[in-house]
Amino acid sequence: MRISFDLTEAQQAQLSAIAERLNVPVDALAAAAIRDLLDRREADFESAARRVMEKNAELYRRLA
């Protein structure tokens, strides 16, 4: 999938500087950042859901 978005000049410069420092293309860096954000959010959600389920299980044991 291809997407496009606007960055300020300062953001473009910052992204370019980071990509240059890491020796990767700017678009590859941006794509990796987006994938990382999506993966992290999914992991955070799973972790939160697991805590809720464990807490609910404990409450149900107490009520039984």
Protein backbone atom coordinates (compact mmCIF):
# COMPACT_ATOMS: atom_id res chain seq x y z
CA MET A 1 0.00 0.00 0.00
CA ARG A 2 1.18 3.47 -0.79
CA ILE A 3 0.20 6.44 1.34
CA SER A 4 1.27 10.04 1.35
CA PHE A 5 1.24 12.71 3.99
CA ASP A 6 2.53 16.21 4.51
CA LEU A 7 5.39 17.07 6.82
CA THR A 8 6.63 20.48 7.80
CA GLU A 9 10.04 21.47 6.50
CA ALA A 10 11.45 20.92 9.99
CA GLN A 11 9.95 17.43 10.15
CA GLN A 12 11.28 16.62 6.68
CA ALA A 13 14.74 17.75 7.70
CA GLN A 14 14.60 15.73 10.88
CA LEU A 15 13.42 12.60 9.06
CA SER A 16 16.10 13.02 6.40
CA ALA A 17 18.81 13.49 9.02
CA ILE A 18 17.77 10.35 10.88
CA ALA A 19 17.57 8.34 7.66
CA GLU A 20 21.01 9.56 6.63
CA ARG A 21 22.47 8.71 10.04
CA LEU A 22 20.97 5.20 9.81
CA ASN A 23 21.98 4.91 6.15
CA VAL A 24 18.48 3.97 5.00
CA PRO A 25 16.11 5.58 2.48
CA VAL A 26 13.69 8.10 3.95
CA ASP A 27 10.64 6.16 2.77
CA ALA A 28 11.96 2.94 4.32
CA LEU A 29 12.50 4.73 7.63
CA ALA A 30 8.99 6.21 7.57
CA ALA A 31 7.46 2.82 6.75
CA ALA A 32 9.43 1.14 9.54
CA ALA A 33 8.28 3.79 12.01
CA ILE A 34 4.65 3.25 11.06
CA ARG A 35 4.97 -0.55 11.30
CA ASP A 36 6.63 -0.16 14.71
CA LEU A 37 3.80 2.08 15.92
CA LEU A 38 1.16 -0.39 14.75
CA ASP A 39 2.94 -3.38 16.26
CA ARG A 40 3.47 -1.61 19.58
CA ARG A 41 -0.16 -0.53 19.82
CA GLU A 42 -1.29 -4.09 19.16
CA ALA A 43 1.06 -5.44 21.82
CA ASP A 44 -0.08 -2.75 24.29
CA PHE A 45 -3.72 -3.64 23.62
CA GLU A 46 -3.08 -7.36 24.09
CA SER A 47 -1.24 -6.68 27.33
CA ALA A 48 -4.08 -4.51 28.65
CA ALA A 49 -6.70 -7.04 27.59
CA ARG A 50 -4.78 -9.82 29.31
CA ARG A 51 -4.62 -7.80 32.57
CA VAL A 52 -8.37 -7.12 32.43
CA MET A 53 -9.15 -10.79 31.82
CA GLU A 54 -6.90 -11.87 34.69
CA LYS A 55 -8.50 -9.33 37.02
CA ASN A 56 -12.00 -10.42 35.95
CA ALA A 57 -11.10 -14.06 36.55
CA GLU A 58 -9.93 -13.17 40.07
CA LEU A 59 -13.17 -11.25 40.76
CA TYR A 60 -15.29 -14.13 39.46
CA ARG A 61 -13.41 -16.56 41.74
CA ARG A 62 -14.13 -14.31 44.72
CA LEU A 63 -17.82 -14.04 43.84
CA ALA A 64 -18.24 -17.79 43.36
